[in-house]
PDB file of N, CA and C in Angstrom:
ATOM      1  N   MET A   1     126.818  61.622  62.837  1.00  0.00           N
ATOM      2  CA  MET A   1     125.445  61.388  62.421  1.00  0.00           C
ATOM      3  C   MET A   1     125.056  59.926  62.659  1.00  0.00           C
ATOM      4  N   ILE A   2     125.920  59.020  62.260  1.00  0.00           N
ATOM      5  CA  ILE A   2     125.616  57.593  62.422  1.00  0.00           C
ATOM      6  C   ILE A   2     125.561  57.217  63.901  1.00  0.00           C
ATOM      7  N   ALA A   3     126.440  57.810  64.691  1.00  0.00           N
ATOM      8  CA  ALA A   3     126.430  57.528  66.134  1.00  0.00           C
ATOM      9  C   ALA A   3     125.132  58.019  66.761  1.00  0.00           C
ATOM     10  N   HIS A   4     124.608  59.147  66.306  1.00  0.00           N
ATOM     11  CA  HIS A   4     123.352  59.673  66.840  1.00  0.00           C
ATOM     12  C   HIS A   4     122.185  58.748  66.490  1.00  0.00           C
ATOM     13  N   ILE A   5     122.148  58.249  65.264  1.00  0.00           N
ATOM     14  CA  ILE A   5     121.104  57.310  64.850  1.00  0.00           C
ATOM     15  C   ILE A   5     121.206  56.019  65.637  1.00  0.00           C
ATOM     16  N   SER A   6     122.423  55.533  65.827  1.00  0.00           N
ATOM     17  CA  SER A   6     122.640  54.301  66.578  1.00  0.00           C
ATOM     18  C   SER A   6     122.178  54.448  68.032  1.00  0.00           C
ATOM     19  N   ALA A   7     122.451  55.594  68.640  1.00  0.00           N
ATOM     20  CA  ALA A   7     122.027  55.847  70.018  1.00  0.00           C
ATOM     21  C   ALA A   7     120.509  55.886  70.092  1.00  0.00           C
ATOM     22  N   GLY A   8     119.862  56.420  69.082  1.00  0.00           N
ATOM     23  CA  GLY A   8     118.398  56.447  69.043  1.00  0.00           C
ATOM     24  C   GLY A   8     117.810  55.060  68.934  1.00  0.00           C
ATOM     25  N   GLN A   9     118.462  54.196  68.176  1.00  0.00           N
ATOM     26  CA  GLN A   9     117.986  52.823  68.033  1.00  0.00           C
ATOM     27  C   GLN A   9     118.139  52.051  69.335  1.00  0.00           C
ATOM     28  N   VAL A  10     119.202  52.301  70.077  1.00  0.00           N
ATOM     29  CA  VAL A  10     119.386  51.654  71.366  1.00  0.00           C
ATOM     30  C   VAL A  10     118.295  52.087  72.325  1.00  0.00           C
ATOM     31  N   HIS A  11     117.950  53.371  72.309  1.00  0.00           N
ATOM     32  CA  HIS A  11     116.882  53.882  73.161  1.00  0.00           C
ATOM     33  C   HIS A  11     115.544  53.234  72.810  1.00  0.00           C
ATOM     34  N   LEU A  12     115.270  53.085  71.501  1.00  0.00           N
ATOM     35  CA  LEU A  12     114.036  52.420  71.080  1.00  0.00           C
ATOM     36  C   LEU A  12     114.036  50.959  71.497  1.00  0.00           C
ATOM     37  N   ASN A  13     115.189  50.303  71.392  1.00  0.00           N
ATOM     38  CA  ASN A  13     115.297  48.914  71.819  1.00  0.00           C
ATOM     39  C   ASN A  13     114.932  48.769  73.298  1.00  0.00           C
ATOM     40  N   ASP A  14     115.439  49.679  74.129  1.00  0.00           N
ATOM     41  CA  ASP A  14     115.130  49.644  75.558  1.00  0.00           C
ATOM     42  C   ASP A  14     113.631  49.832  75.801  1.00  0.00           C
ATOM     43  N   ASP A  15     113.029  50.739  75.052  1.00  0.00           N
ATOM     44  CA  ASP A  15     111.586  50.951  75.185  1.00  0.00           C
ATOM     45  C   ASP A  15     110.800  49.701  74.803  1.00  0.00           C
ATOM     46  N   PHE A  16     111.198  49.057  73.724  1.00  0.00           N
ATOM     47  CA  PHE A  16     110.505  47.838  73.296  1.00  0.00           C
ATOM     48  C   PHE A  16     110.685  46.713  74.304  1.00  0.00           C
ATOM     49  N   LYS A  17     111.848  46.632  74.923  1.00  0.00           N
ATOM     50  CA  LYS A  17     112.067  45.629  75.958  1.00  0.00           C
ATOM     51  C   LYS A  17     111.131  45.855  77.130  1.00  0.00           C
ATOM     52  N   LYS A  18     110.979  47.107  77.556  1.00  0.00           N
ATOM     53  CA  LYS A  18     110.087  47.412  78.678  1.00  0.00           C
ATOM     54  C   LYS A  18     108.638  47.105  78.342  1.00  0.00           C
ATOM     55  N   ILE A  19     108.218  47.488  77.148  1.00  0.00           N
ATOM     56  CA  ILE A  19     106.849  47.220  76.730  1.00  0.00           C
ATOM     57  C   ILE A  19     106.602  45.718  76.646  1.00  0.00           C
ATOM     58  N   SER A  20     107.542  44.987  76.105  1.00  0.00           N
ATOM     59  CA  SER A  20     107.386  43.526  75.991  1.00  0.00           C
ATOM     60  C   SER A  20     107.366  42.857  77.363  1.00  0.00           C
ATOM     61  N   ALA A  21     108.196  43.337  78.261  1.00  0.00           N
ATOM     62  CA  ALA A  21     108.206  42.756  79.605  1.00  0.00           C
ATOM     63  C   ALA A  21     106.885  42.993  80.319  1.00  0.00           C
ATOM     64  N   TRP A  22     106.356  44.205  80.258  1.00  0.00           N
ATOM     65  CA  TRP A  22     105.061  44.472  80.916  1.00  0.00           C
ATOM     66  C   TRP A  22     103.930  43.699  80.247  1.00  0.00           C
ATOM     67  N   ALA A  23     104.007  43.529  78.935  1.00  0.00           N
ATOM     68  CA  ALA A  23     102.986  42.747  78.244  1.00  0.00           C
ATOM     69  C   ALA A  23     103.011  41.292  78.715  1.00  0.00           C
ATOM     70  N   ALA A  24     104.194  40.736  78.895  1.00  0.00           N
ATOM     71  CA  ALA A  24     104.311  39.365  79.389  1.00  0.00           C
ATOM     72  C   ALA A  24     103.806  39.245  80.816  1.00  0.00           C
ATOM     73  N   ILE A  25     104.111  40.236  81.648  1.00  0.00           N
ATOM     74  CA  ILE A  25     103.657  40.202  83.042  1.00  0.00           C
ATOM     75  C   ILE A  25     102.151  40.278  83.105  1.00  0.00           C
ATOM     76  N   LEU A  26     101.534  41.108  82.296  1.00  0.00           N
ATOM     77  CA  LEU A  26     100.074  41.241  82.321  1.00  0.00           C
ATOM     78  C   LEU A  26      99.358  40.119  81.596  1.00  0.00           C
ATOM     79  N   PHE A  27     100.070  39.376  80.748  1.00  0.00           N
ATOM     80  CA  PHE A  27      99.464  38.251  80.048  1.00  0.00           C
ATOM     81  C   PHE A  27      99.163  37.103  80.989  1.00  0.00           C
ATOM     82  N   ALA A  28      99.993  36.893  81.989  1.00  0.00           N
ATOM     83  CA  ALA A  28      99.830  35.745  82.894  1.00  0.00           C
ATOM     84  C   ALA A  28      98.503  35.754  83.640  1.00  0.00           C
ATOM     85  N   PRO A  29      98.122  36.842  84.336  1.00  0.00           N
ATOM     86  CA  PRO A  29      96.823  36.808  85.011  1.00  0.00           C
ATOM     87  C   PRO A  29      95.647  36.802  84.030  1.00  0.00           C
ATOM     88  N   THR A  30      95.858  37.370  82.850  1.00  0.00           N
ATOM     89  CA  THR A  30      94.810  37.337  81.849  1.00  0.00           C
ATOM     90  C   THR A  30      94.539  35.900  81.401  1.00  0.00           C
ATOM     91  N   LEU A  31      95.595  35.127  81.211  1.00  0.00           N
ATOM     92  CA  LEU A  31      95.448  33.740  80.794  1.00  0.00           C
ATOM     93  C   LEU A  31      94.719  32.912  81.848  1.00  0.00           C
ATOM     94  N   VAL A  32      95.152  33.023  83.093  1.00  0.00           N
ATOM     95  CA  VAL A  32      94.511  32.250  84.171  1.00  0.00           C
ATOM     96  C   VAL A  32      93.069  32.695  84.355  1.00  0.00           C
ATOM     97  N   GLY A  33      92.814  33.993  84.309  1.00  0.00           N
ATOM     98  CA  GLY A  33      91.457  34.509  84.472  1.00  0.00           C
ATOM     99  C   GLY A  33      90.521  34.067  83.358  1.00  0.00           C
ATOM    100  N   THR A  34      91.011  34.017  82.124  1.00  0.00           N
ATOM    101  CA  THR A  34      90.137  33.581  81.040  1.00  0.00           C
ATOM    102  C   THR A  34      89.823  32.098  81.126  1.00  0.00           C
ATOM    103  N   ILE A  35      90.765  31.308  81.594  1.00  0.00           N
ATOM    104  CA  ILE A  35      90.482  29.871  81.742  1.00  0.00           C
ATOM    105  C   ILE A  35      89.410  29.666  82.813  1.00  0.00           C
ATOM    106  N   TYR A  36      89.524  30.379  83.922  1.00  0.00           N
ATOM    107  CA  TYR A  36      88.527  30.249  84.978  1.00  0.00           C
ATOM    108  C   TYR A  36      87.204  30.898  84.578  1.00  0.00           C
ATOM    109  N   GLY A  37      87.185  31.781  83.620  1.00  0.00           N
ATOM    110  CA  GLY A  37      85.960  32.417  83.187  1.00  0.00           C
ATOM    111  C   GLY A  37      85.181  31.623  82.171  1.00  0.00           C
ATOM    112  N   MET A  38      85.663  30.448  81.786  1.00  0.00           N
ATOM    113  CA  MET A  38      84.990  29.641  80.780  1.00  0.00           C
ATOM    114  C   MET A  38      83.842  28.814  81.342  1.00  0.00           C
ATOM    115  N   ASN A  39      83.647  28.841  82.636  1.00  0.00           N
ATOM    116  CA  ASN A  39      82.530  28.152  83.291  1.00  0.00           C
ATOM    117  C   ASN A  39      82.510  26.644  83.037  1.00  0.00           C
ATOM    118  N   PHE A  40      83.652  26.004  83.193  1.00  0.00           N
ATOM    119  CA  PHE A  40      83.710  24.550  83.116  1.00  0.00           C
ATOM    120  C   PHE A  40      83.047  23.956  84.362  1.00  0.00           C
ATOM    121  N   GLU A  41      82.529  22.759  84.220  1.00  0.00           N
ATOM    122  CA  GLU A  41      81.944  22.083  85.375  1.00  0.00           C
ATOM    123  C   GLU A  41      82.873  20.999  85.917  1.00  0.00           C
ATOM    124  N   GLU A  42      83.840  20.581  85.145  1.00  0.00           N
ATOM    125  CA  GLU A  42      84.693  19.454  85.524  1.00  0.00           C
ATOM    126  C   GLU A  42      86.111  19.863  85.894  1.00  0.00           C
ATOM    127  N   MET A  43      86.277  21.036  86.407  1.00  0.00           N
ATOM    128  CA  MET A  43      87.596  21.433  86.893  1.00  0.00           C
ATOM    129  C   MET A  43      87.681  21.077  88.373  1.00  0.00           C
ATOM    130  N   PRO A  44      88.662  20.288  88.792  1.00  0.00           N
ATOM    131  CA  PRO A  44      88.689  19.816  90.176  1.00  0.00           C
ATOM    132  C   PRO A  44      88.760  20.944  91.208  1.00  0.00           C
ATOM    133  N   GLU A  45      89.433  22.034  90.876  1.00  0.00           N
ATOM    134  CA  GLU A  45      89.571  23.089  91.860  1.00  0.00           C
ATOM    135  C   GLU A  45      88.317  23.929  92.039  1.00  0.00           C
ATOM    136  N   LEU A  46      87.292  23.718  91.214  1.00  0.00           N
ATOM    137  CA  LEU A  46      86.050  24.465  91.374  1.00  0.00           C
ATOM    138  C   LEU A  46      85.268  24.012  92.623  1.00  0.00           C
ATOM    139  N   ARG A  47      85.403  22.763  92.984  1.00  0.00           N
ATOM    140  CA  ARG A  47      84.732  22.248  94.186  1.00  0.00           C
ATOM    141  C   ARG A  47      85.628  22.372  95.426  1.00  0.00           C
ATOM    142  N   TRP A  48      86.828  22.822  95.231  1.00  0.00           N
ATOM    143  CA  TRP A  48      87.780  22.970  96.314  1.00  0.00           C
ATOM    144  C   TRP A  48      87.552  24.309  96.995  1.00  0.00           C
ATOM    145  N   ALA A  49      87.508  24.315  98.304  1.00  0.00           N
ATOM    146  CA  ALA A  49      87.208  25.537  99.049  1.00  0.00           C
ATOM    147  C   ALA A  49      88.270  26.613  98.821  1.00  0.00           C
ATOM    148  N   LEU A  50      89.492  26.219  98.559  1.00  0.00           N
ATOM    149  CA  LEU A  50      90.573  27.186  98.354  1.00  0.00           C
ATOM    150  C   LEU A  50      90.931  27.366  96.867  1.00  0.00           C
ATOM    151  N   GLY A  51      90.022  27.003  95.989  1.00  0.00           N
ATOM    152  CA  GLY A  51      90.295  27.095  94.557  1.00  0.00           C
ATOM    153  C   GLY A  51      90.509  28.511  94.089  1.00  0.00           C
ATOM    154  N   TYR A  52      89.626  29.425  94.510  1.00  0.00           N
ATOM    155  CA  TYR A  52      89.763  30.821  94.082  1.00  0.00           C
ATOM    156  C   TYR A  52      91.006  31.475  94.671  1.00  0.00           C
ATOM    157  N   PRO A  53      91.268  31.328  95.983  1.00  0.00           N
ATOM    158  CA  PRO A  53      92.512  31.910  96.496  1.00  0.00           C
ATOM    159  C   PRO A  53      93.758  31.309  95.842  1.00  0.00           C
ATOM    160  N   PHE A  54      93.688  30.020  95.503  1.00  0.00           N
ATOM    161  CA  PHE A  54      94.818  29.393  94.819  1.00  0.00           C
ATOM    162  C   PHE A  54      95.035  30.031  93.451  1.00  0.00           C
ATOM    163  N   ALA A  55      93.959  30.298  92.710  1.00  0.00           N
ATOM    164  CA  ALA A  55      94.095  30.915  91.393  1.00  0.00           C
ATOM    165  C   ALA A  55      94.671  32.326  91.510  1.00  0.00           C
ATOM    166  N   VAL A  56      94.209  33.080  92.498  1.00  0.00           N
ATOM    167  CA  VAL A  56      94.728  34.448  92.692  1.00  0.00           C
ATOM    168  C   VAL A  56      96.206  34.395  93.115  1.00  0.00           C
ATOM    169  N   ALA A  57      96.541  33.458  93.992  1.00  0.00           N
ATOM    170  CA  ALA A  57      97.936  33.309  94.407  1.00  0.00           C
ATOM    171  C   ALA A  57      98.824  32.870  93.237  1.00  0.00           C
ATOM    172  N   LEU A  58      98.306  31.997  92.391  1.00  0.00           N
ATOM    173  CA  LEU A  58      99.047  31.561  91.211  1.00  0.00           C
ATOM    174  C   LEU A  58      99.322  32.744  90.286  1.00  0.00           C
ATOM    175  N   MET A  59      98.304  33.575  90.046  1.00  0.00           N
ATOM    176  CA  MET A  59      98.494  34.748  89.205  1.00  0.00           C
ATOM    177  C   MET A  59      99.538  35.691  89.816  1.00  0.00           C
ATOM    178  N   GLY A  60      99.453  35.906  91.111  1.00  0.00           N
ATOM    179  CA  GLY A  60     100.421  36.779  91.774  1.00  0.00           C
ATOM    180  C   GLY A  60     101.832  36.237  91.723  1.00  0.00           C
ATOM    181  N   ALA A  61     101.974  34.928  91.931  1.00  0.00           N
ATOM    182  CA  ALA A  61     103.294  34.310  91.910  1.00  0.00           C
ATOM    183  C   ALA A  61     103.926  34.381  90.523  1.00  0.00           C
ATOM    184  N   VAL A  62     103.128  34.131  89.508  1.00  0.00           N
ATOM    185  CA  VAL A  62     103.664  34.192  88.140  1.00  0.00           C
ATOM    186  C   VAL A  62     104.057  35.616  87.786  1.00  0.00           C
ATOM    187  N   CYS A  63     103.209  36.585  88.136  1.00  0.00           N
ATOM    188  CA  CYS A  63     103.527  37.984  87.844  1.00  0.00           C
ATOM    189  C   CYS A  63     104.783  38.432  88.583  1.00  0.00           C
ATOM    190  N   LEU A  64     104.880  38.071  89.851  1.00  0.00           N
ATOM    191  CA  LEU A  64     106.046  38.460  90.633  1.00  0.00           C
ATOM    192  C   LEU A  64     107.323  37.810  90.084  1.00  0.00           C
ATOM    193  N   SER A  65     107.240  36.536  89.738  1.00  0.00           N
ATOM    194  CA  SER A  65     108.447  35.873  89.214  1.00  0.00           C
ATOM    195  C   SER A  65     108.860  36.476  87.869  1.00  0.00           C
ATOM    196  N   LEU A  66     107.892  36.779  87.004  1.00  0.00           N
ATOM    197  CA  LEU A  66     108.243  37.419  85.732  1.00  0.00           C
ATOM    198  C   LEU A  66     108.830  38.801  85.965  1.00  0.00           C
ATOM    199  N   TYR A  67     108.277  39.542  86.905  1.00  0.00           N
ATOM    200  CA  TYR A  67     108.815  40.867  87.223  1.00  0.00           C
ATOM    201  C   TYR A  67     110.267  40.766  87.693  1.00  0.00           C
ATOM    202  N   LEU A  68     110.530  39.809  88.583  1.00  0.00           N
ATOM    203  CA  LEU A  68     111.898  39.655  89.097  1.00  0.00           C
ATOM    204  C   LEU A  68     112.862  39.213  88.005  1.00  0.00           C
ATOM    205  N   ILE A  69     112.421  38.331  87.120  1.00  0.00           N
ATOM    206  CA  ILE A  69     113.279  37.895  86.025  1.00  0.00           C
ATOM    207  C   ILE A  69     113.611  39.054  85.099  1.00  0.00           C
ATOM    208  N   PHE A  70     112.595  39.834  84.728  1.00  0.00           N
ATOM    209  CA  PHE A  70     112.848  40.956  83.831  1.00  0.00           C
ATOM    210  C   PHE A  70     113.665  42.048  84.524  1.00  0.00           C
ATOM    211  N   LYS A  71     113.463  42.237  85.796  1.00  0.00           N
ATOM    212  CA  LYS A  71     114.243  43.233  86.535  1.00  0.00           C
ATOM    213  C   LYS A  71     115.713  42.817  86.610  1.00  0.00           C
ATOM    214  N   ARG A  72     115.964  41.516  86.837  1.00  0.00           N
ATOM    215  CA  ARG A  72     117.336  41.007  86.923  1.00  0.00           C
ATOM    216  C   ARG A  72     118.048  41.146  85.577  1.00  0.00           C
ATOM    217  N   ARG A  73     117.312  41.028  84.506  1.00  0.00           N
ATOM    218  CA  ARG A  73     117.941  41.139  83.168  1.00  0.00           C
ATOM    219  C   ARG A  73     117.950  42.566  82.651  1.00  0.00           C
ATOM    220  N   ASN A  74     117.588  43.516  83.494  1.00  0.00           N
ATOM    221  CA  ASN A  74     117.581  44.939  83.169  1.00  0.00           C
ATOM    222  C   ASN A  74     116.626  45.288  82.016  1.00  0.00           C
ATOM    223  N   TRP A  75     115.506  44.596  81.944  1.00  0.00           N
ATOM    224  CA  TRP A  75     114.486  44.943  80.970  1.00  0.00           C
ATOM    225  C   TRP A  75     113.512  45.946  81.558  1.00  0.00           C
ATOM    226  N   LEU A  76     113.467  46.041  82.867  1.00  0.00           N
ATOM    227  CA  LEU A  76     112.572  46.990  83.553  1.00  0.00           C
ATOM    228  C   LEU A  76     113.388  47.973  84.343  1.00  0.00           C
TER     229      LEU A  76
END
């Protein structure tokens, strides 16, 4: 009986790890997008021709790196 309960807790732990990992991966582009959505006038990259592609590339790089880190640690 105790072994069955323990196995269930391990399964729940794995589910929580997956949920937490995906939440962290999706938090990164949300953070960058909300900062750019604040309509500041004094952000240097706003006048830069490659500012928007840089922001999108930054979001992609952070998401990819977090995905690889979580995949390597067997959270995904």
